[in-house]
C-alpha atoms as a PDB file:
ATOM      1  CA  MET A   1      99.540 107.341  86.151  1.00  0.00           C
ATOM      2  CA  LYS A   2     103.406 107.703  86.233  1.00  0.00           C
ATOM      3  CA  THR A   3     105.194 104.341  86.914  1.00  0.00           C
ATOM      4  CA  THR A   4     108.720 103.970  88.272  1.00  0.00           C
ATOM      5  CA  ASN A   5     111.321 101.361  87.763  1.00  0.00           C
ATOM      6  CA  LYS A   6     111.853 101.058  91.413  1.00  0.00           C
ATOM      7  CA  THR A   7     110.030  97.953  92.697  1.00  0.00           C
ATOM      8  CA  ILE A   8     108.605  98.350  96.295  1.00  0.00           C
ATOM      9  CA  LEU A   9     106.514  95.331  96.566  1.00  0.00           C
ATOM     10  CA  SER A  10     105.962  92.079  94.566  1.00  0.00           C
ATOM     11  CA  ILE A  11     102.832  90.216  94.926  1.00  0.00           C
ATOM     12  CA  PHE A  12     101.721  86.853  93.635  1.00  0.00           C
ATOM     13  CA  ILE A  13      97.995  87.095  92.431  1.00  0.00           C
ATOM     14  CA  THR A  14      96.144  83.886  92.087  1.00  0.00           C
ATOM     15  CA  ASN A  15      92.846  83.004  90.391  1.00  0.00           C
ATOM     16  CA  LEU A  16      90.571  81.874  93.183  1.00  0.00           C
ATOM     17  CA  GLY A  17      88.069  79.935  91.006  1.00  0.00           C
ATOM     18  CA  LYS A  18      90.895  77.933  89.447  1.00  0.00           C
ATOM     19  CA  TYR A  19      92.446  77.563  92.880  1.00  0.00           C
ATOM     20  CA  ASN A  20      89.247  76.046  94.377  1.00  0.00           C
ATOM     21  CA  GLU A  21      89.283  73.664  91.455  1.00  0.00           C
ATOM     22  CA  GLY A  22      92.668  72.503  92.398  1.00  0.00           C
ATOM     23  CA  GLU A  23      94.663  74.473  89.890  1.00  0.00           C
ATOM     24  CA  LEU A  24      97.152  77.103  90.753  1.00  0.00           C
ATOM     25  CA  VAL A  25      96.931  79.789  88.245  1.00  0.00           C
ATOM     26  CA  GLY A  26      98.721  83.028  89.040  1.00  0.00           C
ATOM     27  CA  GLU A  27     101.603  85.403  88.530  1.00  0.00           C
ATOM     28  CA  TRP A  28     104.157  87.749  90.167  1.00  0.00           C
ATOM     29  CA  ILE A  29     103.723  91.545  89.484  1.00  0.00           C
ATOM     30  CA  SER A  30     105.914  94.084  90.748  1.00  0.00           C
ATOM     31  CA  LEU A  31     104.459  97.323  92.338  1.00  0.00           C
ATOM     32  CA  PRO A  32     104.054 100.045  91.620  1.00  0.00           C
ATOM     33  CA  CYS A  33     102.484  99.074  88.352  1.00  0.00           C
ATOM     34  CA  SER A  34      99.974 100.803  85.787  1.00  0.00           C
ATOM     35  CA  ASP A  35      96.377  99.788  85.596  1.00  0.00           C
ATOM     36  CA  GLN A  36      97.037  98.514  82.163  1.00  0.00           C
ATOM     37  CA  GLU A  37      99.880  96.161  83.471  1.00  0.00           C
ATOM     38  CA  LEU A  38      97.447  94.876  86.345  1.00  0.00           C
ATOM     39  CA  ASP A  39      94.690  94.286  83.745  1.00  0.00           C
ATOM     40  CA  ALA A  40      96.990  92.475  81.398  1.00  0.00           C
ATOM     41  CA  LEU A  41      98.094  90.181  84.460  1.00  0.00           C
ATOM     42  CA  LEU A  42      94.450  89.621  85.487  1.00  0.00           C
ATOM     43  CA  GLU A  43      93.568  88.667  81.926  1.00  0.00           C
ATOM     44  CA  ARG A  44      96.468  86.192  81.721  1.00  0.00           C
ATOM     45  CA  ILE A  45      95.533  84.418  84.691  1.00  0.00           C
ATOM     46  CA  GLY A  46      91.882  83.878  83.646  1.00  0.00           C
ATOM     47  CA  ILE A  47      90.011  86.601  85.685  1.00  0.00           C
ATOM     48  CA  ASN A  48      87.056  87.057  83.522  1.00  0.00           C
ATOM     49  CA  GLU A  49      83.074  86.571  83.829  1.00  0.00           C
ATOM     50  CA  GLN A  50      83.582  82.957  84.796  1.00  0.00           C
ATOM     51  CA  TYR A  51      86.337  83.666  87.341  1.00  0.00           C
ATOM     52  CA  GLU A  52      85.909  86.931  88.785  1.00  0.00           C
ATOM     53  CA  GLU A  53      87.892  86.537  92.186  1.00  0.00           C
ATOM     54  CA  TYR A  54      91.469  86.614  92.916  1.00  0.00           C
ATOM     55  CA  PHE A  55      93.776  86.672  95.852  1.00  0.00           C
ATOM     56  CA  ILE A  56      97.163  87.350  96.974  1.00  0.00           C
ATOM     57  CA  THR A  57      99.165  84.131  97.861  1.00  0.00           C
ATOM     58  CA  ASP A  58     102.564  85.527  98.417  1.00  0.00           C
ATOM     59  CA  TYR A  59     104.479  88.692  98.565  1.00  0.00           C
ATOM     60  CA  GLU A  60     107.965  90.008  98.882  1.00  0.00           C
ATOM     61  CA  SER A  61     108.958  93.387 100.185  1.00  0.00           C
ATOM     62  CA  ASP A  62     111.951  95.250 101.911  1.00  0.00           C
ATOM     63  CA  PHE A  63     109.408  97.043 104.008  1.00  0.00           C
ATOM     64  CA  ASP A  64     108.017  95.479 107.350  1.00  0.00           C
ATOM     65  CA  PHE A  65     104.251  95.528 106.351  1.00  0.00           C
ATOM     66  CA  ALA A  66     102.067  92.589 106.129  1.00  0.00           C
ATOM     67  CA  VAL A  67      99.920  92.005 103.015  1.00  0.00           C
ATOM     68  CA  SER A  68      96.836  89.898 103.416  1.00  0.00           C
ATOM     69  CA  GLU A  69      95.204  87.449 101.055  1.00  0.00           C
ATOM     70  CA  TYR A  70      92.461  89.830 100.044  1.00  0.00           C
ATOM     71  CA  GLU A  71      94.221  93.149 100.299  1.00  0.00           C
ATOM     72  CA  ASN A  72      92.912  95.799  97.922  1.00  0.00           C
ATOM     73  CA  ILE A  73      95.441  95.734  95.037  1.00  0.00           C
ATOM     74  CA  HIS A  74      94.733  99.382  94.095  1.00  0.00           C
ATOM     75  CA  GLU A  75      95.661 100.428  97.665  1.00  0.00           C
ATOM     76  CA  LEU A  76      98.852  98.379  97.564  1.00  0.00           C
ATOM     77  CA  ILE A  77      99.743 100.120  94.281  1.00  0.00           C
ATOM     78  CA  SER A  78      99.023 103.591  95.874  1.00  0.00           C
ATOM     79  CA  LYS A  79     101.227 102.816  98.633  1.00  0.00           C
ATOM     80  CA  ALA A  80     104.005 101.448  96.391  1.00  0.00           C
ATOM     81  CA  GLU A  81     103.784 104.693  94.313  1.00  0.00           C
ATOM     82  CA  THR A  82     104.112 106.791  97.476  1.00  0.00           C
ATOM     83  CA  LEU A  83     107.290 104.934  98.427  1.00  0.00           C
ATOM     84  CA  ALA A  84     108.589 104.800  94.987  1.00  0.00           C
ATOM     85  CA  GLU A  85     108.690 108.702  95.064  1.00  0.00           C
ATOM     86  CA  LEU A  86     111.038 108.613  97.948  1.00  0.00           C
ATOM     87  CA  ASP A  87     115.013 108.446  97.735  1.00  0.00           C
ATOM     88  CA  GLU A  88     117.051 105.666  99.314  1.00  0.00           C
ATOM     89  CA  TYR A  89     117.635 107.643 102.405  1.00  0.00           C
ATOM     90  CA  GLU A  90     114.057 108.518 102.877  1.00  0.00           C
ATOM     91  CA  LEU A  91     113.200 104.855 102.472  1.00  0.00           C
ATOM     92  CA  GLU A  92     115.656 103.892 105.054  1.00  0.00           C
ATOM     93  CA  VAL A  93     114.076 106.231 107.431  1.00  0.00           C
ATOM     94  CA  ILE A  94     110.497 105.127 106.812  1.00  0.00           C
ATOM     95  CA  SER A  95     111.730 101.469 107.258  1.00  0.00           C
ATOM     96  CA  ALA A  96     113.382 102.281 110.620  1.00  0.00           C
ATOM     97  CA  ILE A  97     110.247 104.042 111.790  1.00  0.00           C
ATOM     98  CA  MET A  98     108.147 101.056 110.584  1.00  0.00           C
ATOM     99  CA  GLY A  99     110.546  98.641 112.487  1.00  0.00           C
ATOM    100  CA  GLU A 100     109.370 100.359 115.651  1.00  0.00           C
ATOM    101  CA  GLY A 101     105.733  99.210 115.055  1.00  0.00           C
ATOM    102  CA  TYR A 102     104.302 101.873 113.131  1.00  0.00           C
ATOM    103  CA  THR A 103     102.072 101.272 110.034  1.00  0.00           C
ATOM    104  CA  LEU A 104     103.262 102.470 106.743  1.00  0.00           C
ATOM    105  CA  GLU A 105     100.774 105.316 106.875  1.00  0.00           C
ATOM    106  CA  ALA A 106     101.685 106.447 110.375  1.00  0.00           C
ATOM    107  CA  ALA A 107     105.408 106.077 109.422  1.00  0.00           C
ATOM    108  CA  LEU A 108     104.917 108.298 106.507  1.00  0.00           C
ATOM    109  CA  ASP A 109     103.066 110.990 108.716  1.00  0.00           C
ATOM    110  CA  GLU A 110     105.705 110.766 111.359  1.00  0.00           C
ATOM    111  CA  TYR A 111     108.436 111.134 108.788  1.00  0.00           C
ATOM    112  CA  GLU A 112     107.033 114.593 107.843  1.00  0.00           C
ATOM    113  CA  ASN A 113     107.504 115.907 111.294  1.00  0.00           C
ATOM    114  CA  ALA A 114     110.646 113.938 112.468  1.00  0.00           C
ATOM    115  CA  ILE A 115     114.029 115.474 112.958  1.00  0.00           C
ATOM    116  CA  ILE A 116     117.026 113.645 111.761  1.00  0.00           C
ATOM    117  CA  TRP A 117     120.183 113.945 113.897  1.00  0.00           C
ATOM    118  CA  ASN A 118     123.268 112.828 111.916  1.00  0.00           C
ATOM    119  CA  ASN A 119     126.173 110.959 113.183  1.00  0.00           C
ATOM    120  CA  CYS A 120     124.462 110.336 116.499  1.00  0.00           C
ATOM    121  CA  ASN A 121     124.868 106.737 117.813  1.00  0.00           C
ATOM    122  CA  ASP A 122     123.304 107.401 121.444  1.00  0.00           C
ATOM    123  CA  MET A 123     121.610 110.064 123.323  1.00  0.00           C
ATOM    124  CA  THR A 124     124.808 111.712 124.478  1.00  0.00           C
ATOM    125  CA  ASP A 125     125.648 112.320 120.668  1.00  0.00           C
ATOM    126  CA  VAL A 126     121.958 113.804 120.220  1.00  0.00           C
ATOM    127  CA  ALA A 127     122.526 115.975 123.296  1.00  0.00           C
ATOM    128  CA  TYR A 128     125.770 117.314 121.639  1.00  0.00           C
ATOM    129  CA  ALA A 129     124.083 117.970 118.330  1.00  0.00           C
ATOM    130  CA  TYR A 130     120.952 119.473 120.023  1.00  0.00           C
ATOM    131  CA  ILE A 131     123.125 121.887 122.088  1.00  0.00           C
ATOM    132  CA  GLU A 132     125.224 122.820 119.057  1.00  0.00           C
ATOM    133  CA  GLU A 133     122.391 123.419 116.847  1.00  0.00           C
ATOM    134  CA  ALA A 134     120.327 125.420 119.383  1.00  0.00           C
ATOM    135  CA  GLY A 135     123.459 127.389 120.511  1.00  0.00           C
ATOM    136  CA  LEU A 136     122.669 126.893 124.090  1.00  0.00           C
ATOM    137  CA  LEU A 137     126.305 127.027 125.359  1.00  0.00           C
ATOM    138  CA  ASP A 138     127.328 129.782 122.714  1.00  0.00           C
ATOM    139  CA  SER A 139     127.369 132.483 125.368  1.00  0.00           C
ATOM    140  CA  CYS A 140     128.961 130.365 128.072  1.00  0.00           C
ATOM    141  CA  PRO A 141     132.691 130.777 128.699  1.00  0.00           C
ATOM    142  CA  GLU A 142     135.021 128.067 127.205  1.00  0.00           C
ATOM    143  CA  PRO A 143     136.145 126.653 130.567  1.00  0.00           C
ATOM    144  CA  LEU A 144     132.540 126.280 131.789  1.00  0.00           C
ATOM    145  CA  ARG A 145     131.436 124.319 129.052  1.00  0.00           C
ATOM    146  CA  ASN A 146     133.431 121.257 130.056  1.00  0.00           C
ATOM    147  CA  TYR A 147     131.165 121.020 133.070  1.00  0.00           C
ATOM    148  CA  PHE A 148     127.917 120.574 131.095  1.00  0.00           C
ATOM    149  CA  ASP A 149     126.700 117.063 131.494  1.00  0.00           C
ATOM    150  CA  PHE A 150     125.579 115.908 128.008  1.00  0.00           C
ATOM    151  CA  GLU A 151     124.814 112.337 129.121  1.00  0.00           C
ATOM    152  CA  ALA A 152     122.251 113.455 131.566  1.00  0.00           C
ATOM    153  CA  PHE A 153     120.834 115.895 129.139  1.00  0.00           C
ATOM    154  CA  GLY A 154     120.431 113.329 126.477  1.00  0.00           C
ATOM    155  CA  ARG A 155     118.685 111.081 129.002  1.00  0.00           C
ATOM    156  CA  ASP A 156     116.267 113.829 129.764  1.00  0.00           C
ATOM    157  CA  LEU A 157     115.695 114.427 126.031  1.00  0.00           C
ATOM    158  CA  SER A 158     114.735 110.865 125.669  1.00  0.00           C
ATOM    159  CA  PHE A 159     111.854 111.415 127.854  1.00  0.00           C
ATOM    160  CA  GLU A 160     110.378 114.063 125.539  1.00  0.00           C
ATOM    161  CA  ALA A 161     110.382 112.224 122.377  1.00  0.00           C
ATOM    162  CA  GLN A 162     110.910 108.946 120.755  1.00  0.00           C
ATOM    163  CA  PHE A 163     114.481 108.317 119.275  1.00  0.00           C
ATOM    164  CA  ILE A 164     115.208 105.666 116.867  1.00  0.00           C
ATOM    165  CA  PHE A 165     118.696 104.825 116.093  1.00  0.00           C
ATOM    166  CA  MET A 166     119.608 103.809 112.496  1.00  0.00           C
ATOM    167  CA  ASP A 167     122.357 101.478 111.437  1.00  0.00           C
ATOM    168  CA  ASN A 168     123.962 104.315 109.419  1.00  0.00           C
ATOM    169  CA  GLY A 169     124.668 106.310 112.522  1.00  0.00           C
ATOM    170  CA  ASP A 170     121.652 108.666 112.196  1.00  0.00           C
ATOM    171  CA  CYS A 171     118.951 109.141 114.774  1.00  0.00           C
ATOM    172  CA  ILE A 172     115.305 109.965 114.046  1.00  0.00           C
ATOM    173  CA  GLU A 173     113.528 112.001 116.567  1.00  0.00           C
ATOM    174  CA  ILE A 174     109.739 111.554 116.715  1.00  0.00           C
ATOM    175  CA  CYS A 175     108.178 114.260 118.920  1.00  0.00           C
ATOM    176  CA  TYR A 176     105.160 113.278 121.054  1.00  0.00           C
END
């Protein structure tokens, strides 16, 4: 398993048996991590034949997904590995999609089919970009192009897909 230096998620793993005895024994670990790193942490916090159970008492992440106390750590590692393979821009796009209520898995699926419109701050900008890319007005004489209603066309486009505007001026189109 390849690990990366990019931390996606940090979790605090606590020994449940010790916790029930009134002692807080746990450590932070950054994900993704290797199986060996996880095993070493579990050993350090006393997960063994006597104390077999652990739980997550805290987490930190730049991504908008919740981590429950008894979340499967191997699934969290897998999610972190998937995200760690993405570049910073792709992470921004995934984060923006998740900000609209999508789960991580759904955001990753939607990202695969999303259209990114650069330098679009509103639907009128998207309409301009769409028309230009599709070449819809290329055969139209120049004087007539000025009469095309880009604002109305942008409004109509918004009925056919979901558009998520990012802080950097880009727009994500998620087709229905």
